[in-house]
All heavy atoms as atom14 arrays in JSON, in Angstrom:
{
  "sequence": "GIAIDTLEEKGCLRNQAPVVVPAVQKLPVIVWYNQVCPDDKGNLVIY",
  "atom14_mask": [
    [1, 1, 1, 1, 0, 0, 0, 0, 0, 0, 0, 0, 0, 0],
    [1, 1, 1, 1, 1, 1, 1, 1, 0, 0, 0, 0, 0, 0],
    [1, 1, 1, 1, 1, 0, 0, 0, 0, 0, 0, 0, 0, 0],
    [1, 1, 1, 1, 1, 1, 1, 1, 0, 0, 0, 0, 0, 0],
    [1, 1, 1, 1, 1, 1, 1, 1, 0, 0, 0, 0, 0, 0],
    [1, 1, 1, 1, 1, 1, 1, 0, 0, 0, 0, 0, 0, 0],
    [1, 1, 1, 1, 1, 1, 1, 1, 0, 0, 0, 0, 0, 0],
    [1, 1, 1, 1, 1, 1, 1, 1, 1, 0, 0, 0, 0, 0],
    [1, 1, 1, 1, 1, 1, 1, 1, 1, 0, 0, 0, 0, 0],
    [1, 1, 1, 1, 1, 1, 1, 1, 1, 0, 0, 0, 0, 0],
    [1, 1, 1, 1, 0, 0, 0, 0, 0, 0, 0, 0, 0, 0],
    [1, 1, 1, 1, 1, 1, 0, 0, 0, 0, 0, 0, 0, 0],
    [1, 1, 1, 1, 1, 1, 1, 1, 0, 0, 0, 0, 0, 0],
    [1, 1, 1, 1, 1, 1, 1, 1, 1, 1, 1, 0, 0, 0],
    [1, 1, 1, 1, 1, 1, 1, 1, 0, 0, 0, 0, 0, 0],
    [1, 1, 1, 1, 1, 1, 1, 1, 1, 0, 0, 0, 0, 0],
    [1, 1, 1, 1, 1, 0, 0, 0, 0, 0, 0, 0, 0, 0],
    [1, 1, 1, 1, 1, 1, 1, 0, 0, 0, 0, 0, 0, 0],
    [1, 1, 1, 1, 1, 1, 1, 0, 0, 0, 0, 0, 0, 0],
    [1, 1, 1, 1, 1, 1, 1, 0, 0, 0, 0, 0, 0, 0],
    [1, 1, 1, 1, 1, 1, 1, 0, 0, 0, 0, 0, 0, 0],
    [1, 1, 1, 1, 1, 1, 1, 0, 0, 0, 0, 0, 0, 0],
    [1, 1, 1, 1, 1, 0, 0, 0, 0, 0, 0, 0, 0, 0],
    [1, 1, 1, 1, 1, 1, 1, 0, 0, 0, 0, 0, 0, 0],
    [1, 1, 1, 1, 1, 1, 1, 1, 1, 0, 0, 0, 0, 0],
    [1, 1, 1, 1, 1, 1, 1, 1, 1, 0, 0, 0, 0, 0],
    [1, 1, 1, 1, 1, 1, 1, 1, 0, 0, 0, 0, 0, 0],
    [1, 1, 1, 1, 1, 1, 1, 0, 0, 0, 0, 0, 0, 0],
    [1, 1, 1, 1, 1, 1, 1, 0, 0, 0, 0, 0, 0, 0],
    [1, 1, 1, 1, 1, 1, 1, 1, 0, 0, 0, 0, 0, 0],
    [1, 1, 1, 1, 1, 1, 1, 0, 0, 0, 0, 0, 0, 0],
    [1, 1, 1, 1, 1, 1, 1, 1, 1, 1, 1, 1, 1, 1],
    [1, 1, 1, 1, 1, 1, 1, 1, 1, 1, 1, 1, 0, 0],
    [1, 1, 1, 1, 1, 1, 1, 1, 0, 0, 0, 0, 0, 0],
    [1, 1, 1, 1, 1, 1, 1, 1, 1, 0, 0, 0, 0, 0],
    [1, 1, 1, 1, 1, 1, 1, 0, 0, 0, 0, 0, 0, 0],
    [1, 1, 1, 1, 1, 1, 0, 0, 0, 0, 0, 0, 0, 0],
    [1, 1, 1, 1, 1, 1, 1, 0, 0, 0, 0, 0, 0, 0],
    [1, 1, 1, 1, 1, 1, 1, 1, 0, 0, 0, 0, 0, 0],
    [1, 1, 1, 1, 1, 1, 1, 1, 0, 0, 0, 0, 0, 0],
    [1, 1, 1, 1, 1, 1, 1, 1, 1, 0, 0, 0, 0, 0],
    [1, 1, 1, 1, 0, 0, 0, 0, 0, 0, 0, 0, 0, 0],
    [1, 1, 1, 1, 1, 1, 1, 1, 0, 0, 0, 0, 0, 0],
    [1, 1, 1, 1, 1, 1, 1, 1, 0, 0, 0, 0, 0, 0],
    [1, 1, 1, 1, 1, 1, 1, 0, 0, 0, 0, 0, 0, 0],
    [1, 1, 1, 1, 1, 1, 1, 1, 0, 0, 0, 0, 0, 0],
    [1, 1, 1, 1, 1, 1, 1, 1, 1, 1, 1, 1, 0, 0]
  ],
  "atom14_positions": [
    [[112.61, 80.79, 83.69], [111.16, 80.41, 83.76], [110.97, 79.14, 84.7], [109.96, 79.04, 85.3], [0.0, 0.0, 0.0], [0.0, 0.0, 0.0], [0.0, 0.0, 0.0], [0.0, 0.0, 0.0], [0.0, 0.0, 0.0], [0.0, 0.0, 0.0], [0.0, 0.0, 0.0], [0.0, 0.0, 0.0], [0.0, 0.0, 0.0], [0.0, 0.0, 0.0]],
    [[112.01, 78.33, 84.85], [112.0, 77.17, 85.7], [111.52, 77.56, 87.16], [110.77, 76.88, 87.84], [113.3, 76.39, 85.65], [113.49, 75.88, 84.26], [113.16, 75.24, 86.71], [114.73, 75.06, 84.1], [0.0, 0.0, 0.0], [0.0, 0.0, 0.0], [0.0, 0.0, 0.0], [0.0, 0.0, 0.0], [0.0, 0.0, 0.0], [0.0, 0.0, 0.0]],
    [[112.09, 78.68, 87.59], [111.88, 79.06, 89.02], [110.43, 79.34, 89.24], [109.84, 79.01, 90.23], [112.73, 80.29, 89.35], [0.0, 0.0, 0.0], [0.0, 0.0, 0.0], [0.0, 0.0, 0.0], [0.0, 0.0, 0.0], [0.0, 0.0, 0.0], [0.0, 0.0, 0.0], [0.0, 0.0, 0.0], [0.0, 0.0, 0.0], [0.0, 0.0, 0.0]],
    [[109.81, 80.11, 88.28], [108.35, 80.47, 88.44], [107.53, 79.26, 88.18], [106.51, 79.06, 88.85], [108.06, 81.54, 87.54], [108.85, 82.81, 87.86], [106.61, 81.92, 87.54], [108.61, 83.45, 89.07], [0.0, 0.0, 0.0], [0.0, 0.0, 0.0], [0.0, 0.0, 0.0], [0.0, 0.0, 0.0], [0.0, 0.0, 0.0], [0.0, 0.0, 0.0]],
    [[107.9, 78.37, 87.28], [107.21, 77.11, 86.92], [107.2, 76.33, 88.14], [106.07, 75.67, 88.44], [107.7, 76.41, 85.71], [107.68, 77.17, 84.49], [106.73, 78.04, 84.36], [108.33, 76.88, 83.55], [0.0, 0.0, 0.0], [0.0, 0.0, 0.0], [0.0, 0.0, 0.0], [0.0, 0.0, 0.0], [0.0, 0.0, 0.0], [0.0, 0.0, 0.0]],
    [[108.29, 76.19, 88.85], [108.28, 75.34, 90.05], [107.42, 75.95, 91.23], [106.76, 75.2, 91.95], [109.77, 75.27, 90.49], [110.54, 74.78, 89.55], [109.9, 74.41, 91.8], [0.0, 0.0, 0.0], [0.0, 0.0, 0.0], [0.0, 0.0, 0.0], [0.0, 0.0, 0.0], [0.0, 0.0, 0.0], [0.0, 0.0, 0.0], [0.0, 0.0, 0.0]],
    [[107.42, 77.31, 91.24], [106.7, 77.97, 92.24], [105.09, 77.57, 92.03], [104.36, 77.26, 92.97], [106.86, 79.54, 92.14], [105.99, 80.34, 93.13], [106.6, 80.24, 94.61], [106.1, 81.73, 92.79], [0.0, 0.0, 0.0], [0.0, 0.0, 0.0], [0.0, 0.0, 0.0], [0.0, 0.0, 0.0], [0.0, 0.0, 0.0], [0.0, 0.0, 0.0]],
    [[104.69, 77.73, 90.71], [103.31, 77.39, 90.42], [103.04, 75.9, 90.66], [101.9, 75.62, 91.16], [103.02, 77.78, 88.94], [103.07, 79.26, 88.63], [102.61, 79.45, 87.2], [103.55, 79.21, 86.29], [101.46, 79.94, 86.95], [0.0, 0.0, 0.0], [0.0, 0.0, 0.0], [0.0, 0.0, 0.0], [0.0, 0.0, 0.0], [0.0, 0.0, 0.0]],
    [[103.95, 75.04, 90.43], [103.67, 73.58, 90.56], [103.55, 73.24, 92.03], [102.68, 72.51, 92.46], [104.85, 72.8, 89.95], [104.75, 71.41, 90.06], [105.92, 70.61, 89.48], [106.63, 71.17, 88.68], [106.16, 69.37, 89.9], [0.0, 0.0, 0.0], [0.0, 0.0, 0.0], [0.0, 0.0, 0.0], [0.0, 0.0, 0.0], [0.0, 0.0, 0.0]],
    [[104.49, 73.8, 92.86], [104.47, 73.45, 94.29], [103.46, 74.22, 95.18], [102.97, 73.7, 96.2], [105.89, 73.65, 94.83], [106.95, 72.62, 94.26], [108.23, 72.83, 94.9], [109.25, 71.8, 94.44], [110.56, 71.97, 95.07], [0.0, 0.0, 0.0], [0.0, 0.0, 0.0], [0.0, 0.0, 0.0], [0.0, 0.0, 0.0], [0.0, 0.0, 0.0]],
    [[103.17, 75.4, 94.75], [102.19, 76.24, 95.54], [102.77, 76.63, 96.87], [104.01, 76.72, 96.97], [0.0, 0.0, 0.0], [0.0, 0.0, 0.0], [0.0, 0.0, 0.0], [0.0, 0.0, 0.0], [0.0, 0.0, 0.0], [0.0, 0.0, 0.0], [0.0, 0.0, 0.0], [0.0, 0.0, 0.0], [0.0, 0.0, 0.0], [0.0, 0.0, 0.0]],
    [[102.03, 76.94, 97.87], [102.47, 77.37, 99.08], [103.12, 76.21, 99.89], [102.54, 75.12, 100.05], [101.45, 78.09, 99.82], [99.98, 77.14, 100.21], [0.0, 0.0, 0.0], [0.0, 0.0, 0.0], [0.0, 0.0, 0.0], [0.0, 0.0, 0.0], [0.0, 0.0, 0.0], [0.0, 0.0, 0.0], [0.0, 0.0, 0.0], [0.0, 0.0, 0.0]],
    [[104.35, 76.43, 100.35], [105.06, 75.31, 101.28], [105.24, 75.95, 102.57], [105.91, 77.02, 102.61], [106.29, 74.99, 100.54], [106.21, 74.36, 99.14], [107.64, 74.09, 98.54], [105.42, 73.05, 99.16], [0.0, 0.0, 0.0], [0.0, 0.0, 0.0], [0.0, 0.0, 0.0], [0.0, 0.0, 0.0], [0.0, 0.0, 0.0], [0.0, 0.0, 0.0]],
    [[104.92, 75.35, 103.68], [105.11, 75.88, 104.93], [106.63, 75.68, 105.33], [107.19, 74.61, 105.11], [104.18, 75.19, 105.94], [104.15, 75.81, 107.31], [103.08, 75.31, 108.17], [102.9, 75.97, 109.37], [102.17, 77.04, 109.52], [101.52, 77.61, 108.57], [102.05, 77.62, 110.81], [0.0, 0.0, 0.0], [0.0, 0.0, 0.0], [0.0, 0.0, 0.0]],
    [[107.17, 76.75, 105.86], [108.53, 76.77, 106.34], [109.53, 76.46, 105.32], [110.6, 75.91, 105.56], [108.74, 75.81, 107.54], [107.84, 76.13, 108.79], [107.82, 77.41, 109.01], [107.35, 75.22, 109.5], [0.0, 0.0, 0.0], [0.0, 0.0, 0.0], [0.0, 0.0, 0.0], [0.0, 0.0, 0.0], [0.0, 0.0, 0.0], [0.0, 0.0, 0.0]],
    [[109.23, 76.76, 104.07], [110.2, 76.7, 102.93], [111.1, 77.87, 103.06], [110.73, 79.04, 103.25], [109.44, 76.78, 101.56], [110.37, 77.1, 100.39], [111.24, 75.95, 100.05], [110.88, 74.79, 100.09], [112.49, 76.35, 99.65], [0.0, 0.0, 0.0], [0.0, 0.0, 0.0], [0.0, 0.0, 0.0], [0.0, 0.0, 0.0], [0.0, 0.0, 0.0]],
    [[112.35, 77.59, 102.91], [113.42, 78.73, 102.91], [113.21, 79.64, 101.74], [112.96, 79.2, 100.69], [114.83, 78.21, 102.95], [0.0, 0.0, 0.0], [0.0, 0.0, 0.0], [0.0, 0.0, 0.0], [0.0, 0.0, 0.0], [0.0, 0.0, 0.0], [0.0, 0.0, 0.0], [0.0, 0.0, 0.0], [0.0, 0.0, 0.0], [0.0, 0.0, 0.0]],
    [[113.41, 80.85, 101.87], [113.26, 81.8, 100.71], [114.27, 81.59, 99.61], [115.3, 81.06, 99.99], [113.5, 83.16, 101.29], [113.18, 83.08, 102.8], [113.61, 81.7, 103.06], [0.0, 0.0, 0.0], [0.0, 0.0, 0.0], [0.0, 0.0, 0.0], [0.0, 0.0, 0.0], [0.0, 0.0, 0.0], [0.0, 0.0, 0.0], [0.0, 0.0, 0.0]],
    [[113.77, 81.66, 98.35], [114.69, 81.45, 97.23], [114.9, 82.8, 96.58], [113.93, 83.45, 96.15], [114.11, 80.48, 96.26], [114.99, 80.25, 95.02], [113.82, 79.12, 96.98], [0.0, 0.0, 0.0], [0.0, 0.0, 0.0], [0.0, 0.0, 0.0], [0.0, 0.0, 0.0], [0.0, 0.0, 0.0], [0.0, 0.0, 0.0], [0.0, 0.0, 0.0]],
    [[116.1, 83.33, 96.45], [116.34, 84.6, 95.89], [116.89, 84.38, 94.35], [117.91, 83.65, 94.21], [117.39, 85.38, 96.69], [117.84, 86.74, 96.06], [116.92, 85.55, 98.15], [0.0, 0.0, 0.0], [0.0, 0.0, 0.0], [0.0, 0.0, 0.0], [0.0, 0.0, 0.0], [0.0, 0.0, 0.0], [0.0, 0.0, 0.0], [0.0, 0.0, 0.0]],
    [[116.08, 84.96, 93.53], [116.47, 84.85, 92.11], [116.94, 86.21, 91.51], [116.01, 87.14, 91.5], [115.35, 84.23, 91.3], [115.84, 83.99, 89.85], [114.86, 82.9, 91.97], [0.0, 0.0, 0.0], [0.0, 0.0, 0.0], [0.0, 0.0, 0.0], [0.0, 0.0, 0.0], [0.0, 0.0, 0.0], [0.0, 0.0, 0.0], [0.0, 0.0, 0.0]],
    [[118.17, 86.53, 91.17], [118.5, 87.79, 90.63], [117.75, 88.13, 89.42], [117.53, 87.22, 88.55], [120.01, 87.69, 90.37], [120.51, 86.43, 91.28], [119.29, 85.6, 91.32], [0.0, 0.0, 0.0], [0.0, 0.0, 0.0], [0.0, 0.0, 0.0], [0.0, 0.0, 0.0], [0.0, 0.0, 0.0], [0.0, 0.0, 0.0], [0.0, 0.0, 0.0]],
    [[117.45, 89.4, 89.24], [116.78, 89.9, 87.98], [117.84, 90.1, 86.94], [118.79, 90.91, 87.21], [116.11, 91.16, 88.28], [0.0, 0.0, 0.0], [0.0, 0.0, 0.0], [0.0, 0.0, 0.0], [0.0, 0.0, 0.0], [0.0, 0.0, 0.0], [0.0, 0.0, 0.0], [0.0, 0.0, 0.0], [0.0, 0.0, 0.0], [0.0, 0.0, 0.0]],
    [[117.77, 89.4, 85.75], [118.82, 89.53, 84.75], [118.59, 91.01, 84.2], [119.67, 91.72, 83.86], [118.54, 88.51, 83.71], [119.47, 88.71, 82.44], [118.71, 87.07, 84.19], [0.0, 0.0, 0.0], [0.0, 0.0, 0.0], [0.0, 0.0, 0.0], [0.0, 0.0, 0.0], [0.0, 0.0, 0.0], [0.0, 0.0, 0.0], [0.0, 0.0, 0.0]],
    [[117.39, 91.44, 83.94], [117.17, 92.67, 83.52], [116.5, 93.57, 84.69], [115.41, 93.19, 85.02], [116.29, 92.7, 82.21], [116.01, 94.08, 81.52], [115.22, 93.94, 80.24], [114.54, 93.08, 80.24], [115.56, 94.8, 79.32], [0.0, 0.0, 0.0], [0.0, 0.0, 0.0], [0.0, 0.0, 0.0], [0.0, 0.0, 0.0], [0.0, 0.0, 0.0]],
    [[117.25, 94.55, 85.2], [116.61, 95.29, 86.31], [115.61, 96.33, 85.87], [115.92, 97.48, 85.55], [117.7, 95.88, 87.13], [118.65, 94.85, 87.72], [119.89, 95.51, 88.49], [120.57, 94.44, 89.26], [121.18, 93.35, 88.54], [0.0, 0.0, 0.0], [0.0, 0.0, 0.0], [0.0, 0.0, 0.0], [0.0, 0.0, 0.0], [0.0, 0.0, 0.0]],
    [[114.37, 95.92, 85.89], [113.32, 96.79, 85.19], [113.07, 98.01, 86.18], [113.04, 97.89, 87.38], [112.02, 96.09, 85.12], [112.04, 94.84, 84.2], [110.61, 94.39, 84.0], [112.62, 95.13, 82.84], [0.0, 0.0, 0.0], [0.0, 0.0, 0.0], [0.0, 0.0, 0.0], [0.0, 0.0, 0.0], [0.0, 0.0, 0.0], [0.0, 0.0, 0.0]],
    [[112.92, 99.18, 85.66], [112.52, 100.36, 86.41], [111.17, 100.19, 87.02], [110.26, 99.56, 86.51], [112.54, 101.52, 85.41], [113.3, 101.03, 84.24], [113.1, 99.5, 84.15], [0.0, 0.0, 0.0], [0.0, 0.0, 0.0], [0.0, 0.0, 0.0], [0.0, 0.0, 0.0], [0.0, 0.0, 0.0], [0.0, 0.0, 0.0], [0.0, 0.0, 0.0]],
    [[111.09, 100.76, 88.21], [109.72, 100.82, 89.01], [109.44, 102.26, 89.27], [110.22, 103.02, 89.81], [109.77, 100.03, 90.28], [108.45, 100.07, 90.95], [110.19, 98.55, 90.06], [0.0, 0.0, 0.0], [0.0, 0.0, 0.0], [0.0, 0.0, 0.0], [0.0, 0.0, 0.0], [0.0, 0.0, 0.0], [0.0, 0.0, 0.0], [0.0, 0.0, 0.0]],
    [[108.28, 102.74, 88.8], [107.85, 104.04, 89.11], [106.52, 103.92, 89.9], [105.51, 103.41, 89.42], [107.66, 104.82, 87.79], [108.97, 104.97, 87.11], [107.04, 106.26, 88.01], [108.82, 105.59, 85.75], [0.0, 0.0, 0.0], [0.0, 0.0, 0.0], [0.0, 0.0, 0.0], [0.0, 0.0, 0.0], [0.0, 0.0, 0.0], [0.0, 0.0, 0.0]],
    [[106.48, 104.53, 91.0], [105.23, 104.59, 91.87], [104.87, 106.02, 91.91], [105.51, 106.85, 92.47], [105.39, 103.95, 93.19], [104.1, 103.99, 94.02], [105.82, 102.53, 93.12], [0.0, 0.0, 0.0], [0.0, 0.0, 0.0], [0.0, 0.0, 0.0], [0.0, 0.0, 0.0], [0.0, 0.0, 0.0], [0.0, 0.0, 0.0], [0.0, 0.0, 0.0]],
    [[103.72, 106.37, 91.4], [103.32, 107.84, 91.25], [101.85, 107.96, 91.77], [101.1, 107.02, 91.73], [103.66, 108.47, 89.92], [102.86, 107.9, 88.72], [101.96, 106.96, 88.74], [102.98, 108.32, 87.33], [101.48, 106.66, 87.45], [102.16, 107.62, 86.61], [103.79, 109.37, 86.7], [102.07, 107.67, 85.22], [103.74, 109.44, 85.41], [102.81, 108.67, 84.67]],
    [[101.56, 109.21, 92.02], [100.31, 109.67, 92.5], [99.6, 110.37, 91.35], [99.74, 111.68, 91.33], [100.24, 110.38, 93.73], [98.96, 110.54, 94.48], [98.43, 109.65, 95.33], [98.17, 111.64, 94.26], [97.28, 109.72, 95.94], [96.95, 111.9, 94.88], [96.43, 110.89, 95.77], [95.2, 111.01, 96.22], [0.0, 0.0, 0.0], [0.0, 0.0, 0.0]],
    [[99.08, 109.73, 90.42], [98.4, 110.29, 89.22], [97.0, 109.96, 89.19], [96.53, 108.84, 88.85], [99.14, 109.81, 87.98], [98.73, 110.52, 86.7], [97.98, 111.51, 86.67], [99.11, 109.98, 85.55], [0.0, 0.0, 0.0], [0.0, 0.0, 0.0], [0.0, 0.0, 0.0], [0.0, 0.0, 0.0], [0.0, 0.0, 0.0], [0.0, 0.0, 0.0]],
    [[96.17, 111.02, 89.36], [94.69, 110.78, 89.33], [94.04, 110.49, 87.93], [92.97, 110.0, 87.81], [93.95, 112.03, 89.99], [94.08, 112.04, 91.52], [93.33, 113.33, 92.05], [93.91, 114.26, 92.37], [92.06, 113.17, 92.06], [0.0, 0.0, 0.0], [0.0, 0.0, 0.0], [0.0, 0.0, 0.0], [0.0, 0.0, 0.0], [0.0, 0.0, 0.0]],
    [[94.72, 110.94, 86.91], [94.21, 110.75, 85.59], [95.03, 109.67, 84.84], [96.21, 109.85, 84.6], [94.26, 112.05, 84.79], [93.65, 111.97, 83.44], [93.54, 113.15, 85.61], [0.0, 0.0, 0.0], [0.0, 0.0, 0.0], [0.0, 0.0, 0.0], [0.0, 0.0, 0.0], [0.0, 0.0, 0.0], [0.0, 0.0, 0.0], [0.0, 0.0, 0.0]],
    [[94.34, 108.53, 84.7], [95.15, 107.48, 83.94], [94.11, 106.8, 83.01], [92.9, 106.8, 83.12], [95.45, 106.33, 85.04], [96.7, 106.85, 86.29], [0.0, 0.0, 0.0], [0.0, 0.0, 0.0], [0.0, 0.0, 0.0], [0.0, 0.0, 0.0], [0.0, 0.0, 0.0], [0.0, 0.0, 0.0], [0.0, 0.0, 0.0], [0.0, 0.0, 0.0]],
    [[94.73, 106.14, 81.95], [93.84, 105.39, 81.1], [93.4, 104.03, 81.58], [94.14, 103.47, 82.29], [94.73, 105.25, 79.83], [96.19, 105.18, 80.41], [96.11, 106.1, 81.62], [0.0, 0.0, 0.0], [0.0, 0.0, 0.0], [0.0, 0.0, 0.0], [0.0, 0.0, 0.0], [0.0, 0.0, 0.0], [0.0, 0.0, 0.0], [0.0, 0.0, 0.0]],
    [[92.15, 103.67, 81.21], [91.81, 102.33, 81.64], [92.36, 101.26, 80.52], [92.99, 101.7, 79.65], [90.22, 102.31, 81.9], [89.47, 102.42, 80.52], [90.18, 102.56, 79.42], [88.29, 102.81, 80.75], [0.0, 0.0, 0.0], [0.0, 0.0, 0.0], [0.0, 0.0, 0.0], [0.0, 0.0, 0.0], [0.0, 0.0, 0.0], [0.0, 0.0, 0.0]],
    [[91.81, 100.03, 80.72], [92.25, 98.99, 79.8], [91.88, 99.22, 78.35], [92.44, 98.66, 77.48], [91.96, 97.6, 80.34], [92.57, 97.3, 81.6], [93.64, 97.73, 81.84], [92.14, 96.44, 82.35], [0.0, 0.0, 0.0], [0.0, 0.0, 0.0], [0.0, 0.0, 0.0], [0.0, 0.0, 0.0], [0.0, 0.0, 0.0], [0.0, 0.0, 0.0]],
    [[90.93, 100.07, 78.12], [90.38, 100.29, 76.81], [90.88, 101.56, 76.28], [90.55, 102.07, 75.18], [88.84, 100.38, 76.91], [88.16, 99.1, 77.24], [86.74, 99.21, 77.24], [85.93, 97.92, 77.66], [84.5, 97.98, 77.64], [0.0, 0.0, 0.0], [0.0, 0.0, 0.0], [0.0, 0.0, 0.0], [0.0, 0.0, 0.0], [0.0, 0.0, 0.0]],
    [[91.78, 102.27, 77.05], [92.4, 103.52, 76.58], [91.61, 104.8, 76.87], [92.11, 105.9, 76.48], [0.0, 0.0, 0.0], [0.0, 0.0, 0.0], [0.0, 0.0, 0.0], [0.0, 0.0, 0.0], [0.0, 0.0, 0.0], [0.0, 0.0, 0.0], [0.0, 0.0, 0.0], [0.0, 0.0, 0.0], [0.0, 0.0, 0.0], [0.0, 0.0, 0.0]],
    [[90.4, 104.67, 77.64], [89.78, 105.79, 78.01], [90.31, 106.49, 79.17], [90.73, 105.76, 80.12], [88.28, 105.31, 78.39], [87.57, 104.75, 77.18], [87.55, 105.26, 76.1], [87.0, 103.66, 77.45], [0.0, 0.0, 0.0], [0.0, 0.0, 0.0], [0.0, 0.0, 0.0], [0.0, 0.0, 0.0], [0.0, 0.0, 0.0], [0.0, 0.0, 0.0]],
    [[90.38, 107.72, 79.31], [90.88, 108.51, 80.47], [89.92, 108.32, 81.57], [88.66, 108.67, 81.36], [91.15, 109.91, 80.09], [92.49, 110.17, 79.26], [92.65, 111.64, 79.05], [93.71, 109.67, 79.95], [0.0, 0.0, 0.0], [0.0, 0.0, 0.0], [0.0, 0.0, 0.0], [0.0, 0.0, 0.0], [0.0, 0.0, 0.0], [0.0, 0.0, 0.0]],
    [[90.33, 108.07, 82.81], [89.52, 108.02, 83.93], [90.15, 108.85, 84.99], [91.43, 108.91, 85.26], [89.51, 106.52, 84.44], [88.66, 106.48, 85.8], [89.0, 105.61, 83.47], [0.0, 0.0, 0.0], [0.0, 0.0, 0.0], [0.0, 0.0, 0.0], [0.0, 0.0, 0.0], [0.0, 0.0, 0.0], [0.0, 0.0, 0.0], [0.0, 0.0, 0.0]],
    [[89.28, 109.59, 85.75], [89.78, 110.45, 86.98], [89.47, 109.76, 88.08], [88.31, 109.51, 88.43], [89.06, 111.8, 86.89], [89.43, 112.59, 85.57], [89.55, 112.66, 87.98], [88.71, 113.99, 85.36], [0.0, 0.0, 0.0], [0.0, 0.0, 0.0], [0.0, 0.0, 0.0], [0.0, 0.0, 0.0], [0.0, 0.0, 0.0], [0.0, 0.0, 0.0]],
    [[90.46, 109.38, 88.9], [90.27, 108.62, 90.01], [90.17, 109.45, 91.31], [90.69, 110.75, 91.29], [91.37, 107.56, 90.28], [91.49, 106.54, 89.17], [92.29, 106.72, 88.02], [90.71, 105.37, 89.35], [92.24, 105.74, 87.03], [90.72, 104.43, 88.42], [91.46, 104.5, 87.17], [91.49, 103.65, 86.26], [0.0, 0.0, 0.0], [0.0, 0.0, 0.0]]
  ]
}
């Protein structure tokens, strides 16, 4: 959490070298084209 806390504290820095932080838990990412999804209240919405 220190890495993200530092990011929030410093904000945008011009010409700051990128900082690479390995993900301890490599979360799956699914990008899909699904027109029917629930909204934040659980109601189905057709997009």
